[in-house]
Each structure stands twice: as C-alpha cells, then as structure tokens.
Amino acid sequence: MSTMKEFVFYPRFVQFQGVRGVTVDNSHKILNEIVRDEELSLGNRQVGNRSYHVFYFKNDCFAVYYHGGGTDALFTSRSLDEVLDYINGLNPEDFK
C-alpha cells in the first residue's frame, strides 16, 4: 500500500483539516457539537502497510491507534495538534 502524505479526516470532520488549537479543553465549543458518541475515529493515515487512526475520547483525549496492532494507543494527548504532528511524522522506514 502507498503511504498517504498526511492524516485525512473523514468527511464528517473535514472542517478540521488545517485547523490548529483544538484541545480537549475547548472541544466542547468545537467538536462536541457534532460528536454524539463517547469515542470515535476522526480519520486515518496509511503509512506503508500500516493503517493508523486518530480517535477522540469525548472530554478525555485524542489517541493514535495502529489498526491491527492491538488495543493499546501509540500516542495520546489532550491536544489534537500534538496527535496529528505525531501521526504525520511516521515514515514507512521506521518499521523496517
């Protein structure tokens, strides 16, 4: 599989593409209005043959999960910026 240049939000959340400063602390103004579930995936990034997803756990954190890598989060933060910087910094060479 080819590596995606950067994380891609699902259509429901595309308005967050390029937006900086989204945190759990201000998500009630920005994200919670369109989020009805307690946890959900905001989108994904393909890195080589690995698929990574960013989840939002309502009022708790954002987390990067590796699809197929178990149930442990690879990285969590109260800041969406930090999570996106992490996921966008992954390279296929990191896994050889």
PDB file of N, CA and C in Angstrom:
ATOM      1  N   MET A   1       0.836  -1.173   0.000  1.00  0.00           N
ATOM      2  CA  MET A   1       0.000   0.000   0.000  1.00  0.00           C
ATOM      3  C   MET A   1       0.885   1.241   0.000  1.00  0.00           C
ATOM      4  N   SER A   2       0.387   2.292  -0.586  1.00  0.00           N
ATOM      5  CA  SER A   2       1.176   3.511  -0.632  1.00  0.00           C
ATOM      6  C   SER A   2       0.919   4.367   0.609  1.00  0.00           C
ATOM      7  N   THR A   3       1.934   5.106   0.969  1.00  0.00           N
ATOM      8  CA  THR A   3       1.849   5.970   2.139  1.00  0.00           C
ATOM      9  C   THR A   3       1.094   7.244   1.789  1.00  0.00           C
ATOM     10  N   MET A   4       0.152   7.601   2.636  1.00  0.00           N
ATOM     11  CA  MET A   4      -0.581   8.853   2.461  1.00  0.00           C
ATOM     12  C   MET A   4       0.310   9.990   2.950  1.00  0.00           C
ATOM     13  N   LYS A   5       0.290  11.105   2.249  1.00  0.00           N
ATOM     14  CA  LYS A   5       1.135  12.241   2.591  1.00  0.00           C
ATOM     15  C   LYS A   5       0.883  12.720   4.014  1.00  0.00           C
ATOM     16  N   GLU A   6      -0.376  12.776   4.403  1.00  0.00           N
ATOM     17  CA  GLU A   6      -0.719  13.221   5.753  1.00  0.00           C
ATOM     18  C   GLU A   6      -2.046  12.630   6.180  1.00  0.00           C
ATOM     19  N   PHE A   7      -2.351  12.821   7.429  1.00  0.00           N
ATOM     20  CA  PHE A   7      -3.613  12.361   8.003  1.00  0.00           C
ATOM     21  C   PHE A   7      -4.779  12.971   7.240  1.00  0.00           C
ATOM     22  N   VAL A   8      -5.817  12.160   7.005  1.00  0.00           N
ATOM     23  CA  VAL A   8      -7.017  12.622   6.304  1.00  0.00           C
ATOM     24  C   VAL A   8      -8.217  12.440   7.223  1.00  0.00           C
ATOM     25  N   PHE A   9      -8.927  13.540   7.436  1.00  0.00           N
ATOM     26  CA  PHE A   9     -10.151  13.473   8.229  1.00  0.00           C
ATOM     27  C   PHE A   9     -11.260  12.835   7.409  1.00  0.00           C
ATOM     28  N   TYR A  10     -12.124  12.085   8.077  1.00  0.00           N
ATOM     29  CA  TYR A  10     -13.318  11.577   7.418  1.00  0.00           C
ATOM     30  C   TYR A  10     -14.197  12.762   7.031  1.00  0.00           C
ATOM     31  N   PRO A  11     -15.052  12.615   5.991  1.00  0.00           N
ATOM     32  CA  PRO A  11     -15.864  13.735   5.502  1.00  0.00           C
ATOM     33  C   PRO A  11     -16.624  14.490   6.597  1.00  0.00           C
ATOM     34  N   ARG A  12     -17.103  13.785   7.577  1.00  0.00           N
ATOM     35  CA  ARG A  12     -17.865  14.427   8.660  1.00  0.00           C
ATOM     36  C   ARG A  12     -17.021  15.441   9.441  1.00  0.00           C
ATOM     37  N   PHE A  13     -15.683  15.265   9.423  1.00  0.00           N
ATOM     38  CA  PHE A  13     -14.793  16.116  10.206  1.00  0.00           C
ATOM     39  C   PHE A  13     -13.827  16.928   9.352  1.00  0.00           C
ATOM     40  N   VAL A  14     -14.062  16.998   8.046  1.00  0.00           N
ATOM     41  CA  VAL A  14     -13.129  17.650   7.131  1.00  0.00           C
ATOM     42  C   VAL A  14     -12.920  19.128   7.477  1.00  0.00           C
ATOM     43  N   GLN A  15     -13.865  19.757   8.152  1.00  0.00           N
ATOM     44  CA  GLN A  15     -13.699  21.165   8.513  1.00  0.00           C
ATOM     45  C   GLN A  15     -12.543  21.379   9.492  1.00  0.00           C
ATOM     46  N   PHE A  16     -12.014  20.311  10.076  1.00  0.00           N
ATOM     47  CA  PHE A  16     -10.886  20.424  10.994  1.00  0.00           C
ATOM     48  C   PHE A  16      -9.536  20.320  10.292  1.00  0.00           C
ATOM     49  N   GLN A  17      -9.540  19.999   8.995  1.00  0.00           N
ATOM     50  CA  GLN A  17      -8.294  19.907   8.236  1.00  0.00           C
ATOM     51  C   GLN A  17      -7.606  21.271   8.267  1.00  0.00           C
ATOM     52  N   GLY A  18      -6.386  21.315   8.766  1.00  0.00           N
ATOM     53  CA  GLY A  18      -5.616  22.556   8.816  1.00  0.00           C
ATOM     54  C   GLY A  18      -5.921  23.458   9.997  1.00  0.00           C
ATOM     55  N   VAL A  19      -6.911  23.116  10.801  1.00  0.00           N
ATOM     56  CA  VAL A  19      -7.254  23.925  11.970  1.00  0.00           C
ATOM     57  C   VAL A  19      -6.297  23.578  13.103  1.00  0.00           C
ATOM     58  N   ARG A  20      -5.722  24.576  13.726  1.00  0.00           N
ATOM     59  CA  ARG A  20      -4.806  24.367  14.851  1.00  0.00           C
ATOM     60  C   ARG A  20      -5.494  24.809  16.139  1.00  0.00           C
ATOM     61  N   GLY A  21      -5.038  24.281  17.244  1.00  0.00           N
ATOM     62  CA  GLY A  21      -5.528  24.721  18.539  1.00  0.00           C
ATOM     63  C   GLY A  21      -6.715  23.961  19.092  1.00  0.00           C
ATOM     64  N   VAL A  22      -7.069  22.823  18.488  1.00  0.00           N
ATOM     65  CA  VAL A  22      -8.177  22.020  19.013  1.00  0.00           C
ATOM     66  C   VAL A  22      -7.637  21.175  20.167  1.00  0.00           C
ATOM     67  N   THR A  23      -8.235  21.339  21.328  1.00  0.00           N
ATOM     68  CA  THR A  23      -7.839  20.576  22.511  1.00  0.00           C
ATOM     69  C   THR A  23      -9.079  20.001  23.174  1.00  0.00           C
ATOM     70  N   VAL A  24      -8.862  19.082  24.085  1.00  0.00           N
ATOM     71  CA  VAL A  24      -9.980  18.541  24.856  1.00  0.00           C
ATOM     72  C   VAL A  24     -10.658  19.667  25.625  1.00  0.00           C
ATOM     73  N   ASP A  25      -9.859  20.624  26.096  1.00  0.00           N
ATOM     74  CA  ASP A  25     -10.404  21.714  26.903  1.00  0.00           C
ATOM     75  C   ASP A  25     -11.345  22.631  26.133  1.00  0.00           C
ATOM     76  N   ASN A  26     -11.121  22.814  24.825  1.00  0.00           N
ATOM     77  CA  ASN A  26     -12.031  23.667  24.050  1.00  0.00           C
ATOM     78  C   ASN A  26     -12.914  22.868  23.099  1.00  0.00           C
ATOM     79  N   SER A  27     -12.850  21.550  23.179  1.00  0.00           N
ATOM     80  CA  SER A  27     -13.613  20.712  22.248  1.00  0.00           C
ATOM     81  C   SER A  27     -15.116  20.851  22.431  1.00  0.00           C
ATOM     82  N   HIS A  28     -15.551  21.244  23.629  1.00  0.00           N
ATOM     83  CA  HIS A  28     -16.989  21.410  23.833  1.00  0.00           C
ATOM     84  C   HIS A  28     -17.538  22.509  22.930  1.00  0.00           C
ATOM     85  N   LYS A  29     -16.696  23.463  22.533  1.00  0.00           N
ATOM     86  CA  LYS A  29     -17.114  24.532  21.629  1.00  0.00           C
ATOM     87  C   LYS A  29     -16.958  24.119  20.168  1.00  0.00           C
ATOM     88  N   ILE A  30     -15.972  23.280  19.899  1.00  0.00           N
ATOM     89  CA  ILE A  30     -15.585  22.990  18.520  1.00  0.00           C
ATOM     90  C   ILE A  30     -16.059  21.625  18.044  1.00  0.00           C
ATOM     91  N   LEU A  31     -15.802  20.603  18.817  1.00  0.00           N
ATOM     92  CA  LEU A  31     -16.006  19.231  18.361  1.00  0.00           C
ATOM     93  C   LEU A  31     -17.238  18.563  18.947  1.00  0.00           C
ATOM     94  N   ASN A  32     -17.519  18.809  20.200  1.00  0.00           N
ATOM     95  CA  ASN A  32     -18.614  18.092  20.852  1.00  0.00           C
ATOM     96  C   ASN A  32     -19.979  18.363  20.234  1.00  0.00           C
ATOM     97  N   GLU A  33     -20.139  19.487  19.544  1.00  0.00           N
ATOM     98  CA  GLU A  33     -21.423  19.789  18.909  1.00  0.00           C
ATOM     99  C   GLU A  33     -21.770  18.800  17.807  1.00  0.00           C
ATOM    100  N   ILE A  34     -20.747  18.223  17.163  1.00  0.00           N
ATOM    101  CA  ILE A  34     -21.034  17.266  16.083  1.00  0.00           C
ATOM    102  C   ILE A  34     -20.749  15.827  16.499  1.00  0.00           C
ATOM    103  N   VAL A  35     -20.252  15.632  17.711  1.00  0.00           N
ATOM    104  CA  VAL A  35     -19.938  14.301  18.212  1.00  0.00           C
ATOM    105  C   VAL A  35     -21.021  13.855  19.178  1.00  0.00           C
ATOM    106  N   ARG A  36     -21.639  12.747  18.873  1.00  0.00           N
ATOM    107  CA  ARG A  36     -22.681  12.204  19.747  1.00  0.00           C
ATOM    108  C   ARG A  36     -22.181  11.008  20.554  1.00  0.00           C
ATOM    109  N   ASP A  37     -21.160  10.329  20.057  1.00  0.00           N
ATOM    110  CA  ASP A  37     -20.627   9.147  20.721  1.00  0.00           C
ATOM    111  C   ASP A  37     -19.551   9.543  21.730  1.00  0.00           C
ATOM    112  N   GLU A  38     -19.264   8.662  22.649  1.00  0.00           N
ATOM    113  CA  GLU A  38     -18.216   8.909  23.640  1.00  0.00           C
ATOM    114  C   GLU A  38     -16.820   8.716  23.051  1.00  0.00           C
ATOM    115  N   GLU A  39     -16.722   7.912  21.991  1.00  0.00           N
ATOM    116  CA  GLU A  39     -15.445   7.697  21.319  1.00  0.00           C
ATOM    117  C   GLU A  39     -15.703   7.464  19.845  1.00  0.00           C
ATOM    118  N   LEU A  40     -14.822   8.016  19.015  1.00  0.00           N
ATOM    119  CA  LEU A  40     -14.982   7.821  17.580  1.00  0.00           C
ATOM    120  C   LEU A  40     -13.690   8.123  16.866  1.00  0.00           C
ATOM    121  N   SER A  41     -13.581   7.600  15.653  1.00  0.00           N
ATOM    122  CA  SER A  41     -12.415   7.828  14.819  1.00  0.00           C
ATOM    123  C   SER A  41     -12.650   9.068  13.971  1.00  0.00           C
ATOM    124  N   LEU A  42     -11.662   9.969  13.977  1.00  0.00           N
ATOM    125  CA  LEU A  42     -11.756  11.201  13.198  1.00  0.00           C
ATOM    126  C   LEU A  42     -11.240  11.020  11.777  1.00  0.00           C
ATOM    127  N   GLY A  43     -10.417   9.993  11.550  1.00  0.00           N
ATOM    128  CA  GLY A  43      -9.852   9.763  10.227  1.00  0.00           C
ATOM    129  C   GLY A  43      -8.671   8.826  10.318  1.00  0.00           C
ATOM    130  N   ASN A  44      -7.886   8.775   9.234  1.00  0.00           N
ATOM    131  CA  ASN A  44      -6.773   7.834   9.214  1.00  0.00           C
ATOM    132  C   ASN A  44      -5.624   8.317   8.351  1.00  0.00           C
ATOM    133  N   ARG A  45      -4.504   7.621   8.486  1.00  0.00           N
ATOM    134  CA  ARG A  45      -3.337   7.813   7.626  1.00  0.00           C
ATOM    135  C   ARG A  45      -2.708   6.460   7.378  1.00  0.00           C
ATOM    136  N   GLN A  46      -2.464   6.160   6.124  1.00  0.00           N
ATOM    137  CA  GLN A  46      -1.794   4.929   5.726  1.00  0.00           C
ATOM    138  C   GLN A  46      -0.301   5.206   5.647  1.00  0.00           C
ATOM    139  N   VAL A  47       0.504   4.405   6.349  1.00  0.00           N
ATOM    140  CA  VAL A  47       1.962   4.530   6.324  1.00  0.00           C
ATOM    141  C   VAL A  47       2.504   3.161   5.943  1.00  0.00           C
ATOM    142  N   GLY A  48       2.934   3.031   4.680  1.00  0.00           N
ATOM    143  CA  GLY A  48       3.342   1.719   4.186  1.00  0.00           C
ATOM    144  C   GLY A  48       2.162   0.775   4.251  1.00  0.00           C
ATOM    145  N   ASN A  49       2.338  -0.374   4.903  1.00  0.00           N
ATOM    146  CA  ASN A  49       1.224  -1.324   5.006  1.00  0.00           C
ATOM    147  C   ASN A  49       0.475  -1.191   6.334  1.00  0.00           C
ATOM    148  N   ARG A  50       0.734  -0.122   7.064  1.00  0.00           N
ATOM    149  CA  ARG A  50       0.081   0.101   8.360  1.00  0.00           C
ATOM    150  C   ARG A  50      -0.952   1.216   8.265  1.00  0.00           C
ATOM    151  N   SER A  51      -2.084   0.983   8.886  1.00  0.00           N
ATOM    152  CA  SER A  51      -3.156   1.978   8.910  1.00  0.00           C
ATOM    153  C   SER A  51      -3.294   2.524  10.329  1.00  0.00           C
ATOM    154  N   TYR A  52      -3.186   3.828  10.452  1.00  0.00           N
ATOM    155  CA  TYR A  52      -3.287   4.494  11.748  1.00  0.00           C
ATOM    156  C   TYR A  52      -4.554   5.334  11.796  1.00  0.00           C
ATOM    157  N   HIS A  53      -5.193   5.344  12.947  1.00  0.00           N
ATOM    158  CA  HIS A  53      -6.433   6.098  13.136  1.00  0.00           C
ATOM    159  C   HIS A  53      -6.289   7.023  14.334  1.00  0.00           C
ATOM    160  N   VAL A  54      -6.902   8.195  14.238  1.00  0.00           N
ATOM    161  CA  VAL A  54      -6.965   9.101  15.378  1.00  0.00           C
ATOM    162  C   VAL A  54      -8.363   9.008  15.959  1.00  0.00           C
ATOM    163  N   PHE A  55      -8.419   8.685  17.227  1.00  0.00           N
ATOM    164  CA  PHE A  55      -9.689   8.608  17.947  1.00  0.00           C
ATOM    165  C   PHE A  55      -9.822   9.795  18.884  1.00  0.00           C
ATOM    166  N   TYR A  56     -11.049  10.222  19.068  1.00  0.00           N
ATOM    167  CA  TYR A  56     -11.374  11.240  20.065  1.00  0.00           C
ATOM    168  C   TYR A  56     -12.205  10.565  21.138  1.00  0.00           C
ATOM    169  N   PHE A  57     -11.710  10.622  22.354  1.00  0.00           N
ATOM    170  CA  PHE A  57     -12.448  10.118  23.505  1.00  0.00           C
ATOM    171  C   PHE A  57     -13.026  11.343  24.194  1.00  0.00           C
ATOM    172  N   LYS A  58     -14.317  11.512  24.052  1.00  0.00           N
ATOM    173  CA  LYS A  58     -15.010  12.738  24.443  1.00  0.00           C
ATOM    174  C   LYS A  58     -14.607  13.201  25.840  1.00  0.00           C
ATOM    175  N   ASN A  59     -14.162  14.441  25.901  1.00  0.00           N
ATOM    176  CA  ASN A  59     -13.770  15.125  27.136  1.00  0.00           C
ATOM    177  C   ASN A  59     -12.585  14.475  27.851  1.00  0.00           C
ATOM    178  N   ASP A  60     -11.806  13.627  27.136  1.00  0.00           N
ATOM    179  CA  ASP A  60     -10.666  12.963  27.762  1.00  0.00           C
ATOM    180  C   ASP A  60      -9.372  13.181  26.982  1.00  0.00           C
ATOM    181  N   CYS A  61      -9.291  12.638  25.738  1.00  0.00           N
ATOM    182  CA  CYS A  61      -8.044  12.753  24.985  1.00  0.00           C
ATOM    183  C   CYS A  61      -8.267  12.410  23.512  1.00  0.00           C
ATOM    184  N   PHE A  62      -7.228  12.703  22.729  1.00  0.00           N
ATOM    185  CA  PHE A  62      -7.109  12.245  21.353  1.00  0.00           C
ATOM    186  C   PHE A  62      -6.047  11.150  21.377  1.00  0.00           C
ATOM    187  N   ALA A  63      -6.203  10.117  20.547  1.00  0.00           N
ATOM    188  CA  ALA A  63      -5.266   8.996  20.589  1.00  0.00           C
ATOM    189  C   ALA A  63      -5.013   8.439  19.197  1.00  0.00           C
ATOM    190  N   VAL A  64      -3.763   8.015  18.966  1.00  0.00           N
ATOM    191  CA  VAL A  64      -3.382   7.346  17.723  1.00  0.00           C
ATOM    192  C   VAL A  64      -3.384   5.847  17.983  1.00  0.00           C
ATOM    193  N   TYR A  65      -4.105   5.118  17.155  1.00  0.00           N
ATOM    194  CA  TYR A  65      -4.142   3.656  17.229  1.00  0.00           C
ATOM    195  C   TYR A  65      -3.658   3.083  15.908  1.00  0.00           C
ATOM    196  N   TYR A  66      -2.929   1.995  15.996  1.00  0.00           N
ATOM    197  CA  TYR A  66      -2.490   1.254  14.815  1.00  0.00           C
ATOM    198  C   TYR A  66      -3.488   0.146  14.584  1.00  0.00           C
ATOM    199  N   HIS A  67      -4.183   0.188  13.463  1.00  0.00           N
ATOM    200  CA  HIS A  67      -5.163  -0.839  13.133  1.00  0.00           C
ATOM    201  C   HIS A  67      -4.425  -2.153  12.927  1.00  0.00           C
ATOM    202  N   GLY A  68      -4.763  -3.131  13.720  1.00  0.00           N
ATOM    203  CA  GLY A  68      -4.088  -4.417  13.642  1.00  0.00           C
ATOM    204  C   GLY A  68      -2.984  -4.558  14.675  1.00  0.00           C
ATOM    205  N   GLY A  69      -2.775  -3.516  15.438  1.00  0.00           N
ATOM    206  CA  GLY A  69      -1.695  -3.542  16.416  1.00  0.00           C
ATOM    207  C   GLY A  69      -2.145  -3.776  17.837  1.00  0.00           C
ATOM    208  N   GLY A  70      -3.362  -4.222  18.009  1.00  0.00           N
ATOM    209  CA  GLY A  70      -3.856  -4.460  19.353  1.00  0.00           C
ATOM    210  C   GLY A  70      -4.731  -3.324  19.840  1.00  0.00           C
ATOM    211  N   THR A  71      -4.921  -3.288  21.122  1.00  0.00           N
ATOM    212  CA  THR A  71      -5.830  -2.285  21.679  1.00  0.00           C
ATOM    213  C   THR A  71      -5.106  -1.152  22.388  1.00  0.00           C
ATOM    214  N   ASP A  72      -3.791  -1.133  22.344  1.00  0.00           N
ATOM    215  CA  ASP A  72      -3.037  -0.081  23.017  1.00  0.00           C
ATOM    216  C   ASP A  72      -2.849   1.127  22.112  1.00  0.00           C
ATOM    217  N   ALA A  73      -3.055   2.291  22.684  1.00  0.00           N
ATOM    218  CA  ALA A  73      -2.799   3.520  21.949  1.00  0.00           C
ATOM    219  C   ALA A  73      -1.293   3.709  21.810  1.00  0.00           C
ATOM    220  N   LEU A  74      -0.869   4.212  20.661  1.00  0.00           N
ATOM    221  CA  LEU A  74       0.541   4.503  20.455  1.00  0.00           C
ATOM    222  C   LEU A  74       0.909   5.848  21.046  1.00  0.00           C
ATOM    223  N   PHE A  75      -0.042   6.777  21.025  1.00  0.00           N
ATOM    224  CA  PHE A  75       0.231   8.140  21.477  1.00  0.00           C
ATOM    225  C   PHE A  75      -1.088   8.773  21.866  1.00  0.00           C
ATOM    226  N   THR A  76      -1.116   9.449  22.993  1.00  0.00           N
ATOM    227  CA  THR A  76      -2.317  10.172  23.407  1.00  0.00           C
ATOM    228  C   THR A  76      -1.937  11.572  23.844  1.00  0.00           C
ATOM    229  N   SER A  77      -2.891  12.475  23.704  1.00  0.00           N
ATOM    230  CA  SER A  77      -2.686  13.853  24.129  1.00  0.00           C
ATOM    231  C   SER A  77      -4.042  14.528  24.264  1.00  0.00           C
ATOM    232  N   ARG A  78      -4.077  15.581  25.035  1.00  0.00           N
ATOM    233  CA  ARG A  78      -5.289  16.398  25.126  1.00  0.00           C
ATOM    234  C   ARG A  78      -5.336  17.389  23.966  1.00  0.00           C
ATOM    235  N   SER A  79      -4.276  17.424  23.145  1.00  0.00           N
ATOM    236  CA  SER A  79      -4.175  18.340  22.009  1.00  0.00           C
ATOM    237  C   SER A  79      -4.238  17.571  20.690  1.00  0.00           C
ATOM    238  N   LEU A  80      -5.166  17.942  19.833  1.00  0.00           N
ATOM    239  CA  LEU A  80      -5.245  17.326  18.506  1.00  0.00           C
ATOM    240  C   LEU A  80      -4.003  17.668  17.693  1.00  0.00           C
ATOM    241  N   ASP A  81      -3.463  18.870  17.859  1.00  0.00           N
ATOM    242  CA  ASP A  81      -2.247  19.261  17.139  1.00  0.00           C
ATOM    243  C   ASP A  81      -1.104  18.286  17.419  1.00  0.00           C
ATOM    244  N   GLU A  82      -0.896  17.950  18.679  1.00  0.00           N
ATOM    245  CA  GLU A  82       0.190  17.039  19.049  1.00  0.00           C
ATOM    246  C   GLU A  82      -0.014  15.654  18.450  1.00  0.00           C
ATOM    247  N   VAL A  83      -1.246  15.184  18.448  1.00  0.00           N
ATOM    248  CA  VAL A  83      -1.547  13.866  17.889  1.00  0.00           C
ATOM    249  C   VAL A  83      -1.327  13.868  16.378  1.00  0.00           C
ATOM    250  N   LEU A  84      -1.773  14.921  15.698  1.00  0.00           N
ATOM    251  CA  LEU A  84      -1.579  14.997  14.246  1.00  0.00           C
ATOM    252  C   LEU A  84      -0.103  15.139  13.894  1.00  0.00           C
ATOM    253  N   ASP A  85       0.651  15.909  14.681  1.00  0.00           N
ATOM    254  CA  ASP A  85       2.097  16.015  14.440  1.00  0.00           C
ATOM    255  C   ASP A  85       2.760  14.644  14.569  1.00  0.00           C
ATOM    256  N   TYR A  86       2.340  13.866  15.559  1.00  0.00           N
ATOM    257  CA  TYR A  86       2.889  12.518  15.747  1.00  0.00           C
ATOM    258  C   TYR A  86       2.564  11.630  14.549  1.00  0.00           C
ATOM    259  N   ILE A  87       1.304  11.564  14.186  1.00  0.00           N
ATOM    260  CA  ILE A  87       0.889  10.645  13.115  1.00  0.00           C
ATOM    261  C   ILE A  87       1.465  11.072  11.768  1.00  0.00           C
ATOM    262  N   ASN A  88       1.577  12.382  11.530  1.00  0.00           N
ATOM    263  CA  ASN A  88       2.127  12.855  10.265  1.00  0.00           C
ATOM    264  C   ASN A  88       3.642  12.718  10.202  1.00  0.00           C
ATOM    265  N   GLY A  89       4.281  12.471  11.346  1.00  0.00           N
ATOM    266  CA  GLY A  89       5.724  12.276  11.381  1.00  0.00           C
ATOM    267  C   GLY A  89       6.160  10.834  11.179  1.00  0.00           C
ATOM    268  N   LEU A  90       5.216   9.908  11.094  1.00  0.00           N
ATOM    269  CA  LEU A  90       5.553   8.495  10.891  1.00  0.00           C
ATOM    270  C   LEU A  90       6.001   8.247   9.453  1.00  0.00           C
ATOM    271  N   ASN A  91       7.026   7.414   9.286  1.00  0.00           N
ATOM    272  CA  ASN A  91       7.545   7.055   7.963  1.00  0.00           C
ATOM    273  C   ASN A  91       7.619   5.543   7.840  1.00  0.00           C
ATOM    274  N   PRO A  92       7.406   5.002   6.622  1.00  0.00           N
ATOM    275  CA  PRO A  92       7.494   3.553   6.432  1.00  0.00           C
ATOM    276  C   PRO A  92       8.858   2.995   6.845  1.00  0.00           C
ATOM    277  N   GLU A  93       9.919   3.795   6.695  1.00  0.00           N
ATOM    278  CA  GLU A  93      11.263   3.352   7.054  1.00  0.00           C
ATOM    279  C   GLU A  93      11.387   3.071   8.552  1.00  0.00           C
ATOM    280  N   ASP A  94      10.518   3.681   9.347  1.00  0.00           N
ATOM    281  CA  ASP A  94      10.549   3.475  10.796  1.00  0.00           C
ATOM    282  C   ASP A  94      10.217   2.036  11.178  1.00  0.00           C
ATOM    283  N   PHE A  95       9.632   1.274  10.263  1.00  0.00           N
ATOM    284  CA  PHE A  95       9.115  -0.058  10.590  1.00  0.00           C
ATOM    285  C   PHE A  95       9.885  -1.179   9.905  1.00  0.00           C
ATOM    286  N   LYS A  96      11.037  -0.885   9.366  1.00  0.00           N
ATOM    287  CA  LYS A  96      11.832  -1.911   8.684  1.00  0.00           C
ATOM    288  C   LYS A  96      12.795  -2.551   9.633  1.00  0.00           C
TER     289      LYS A  96
END
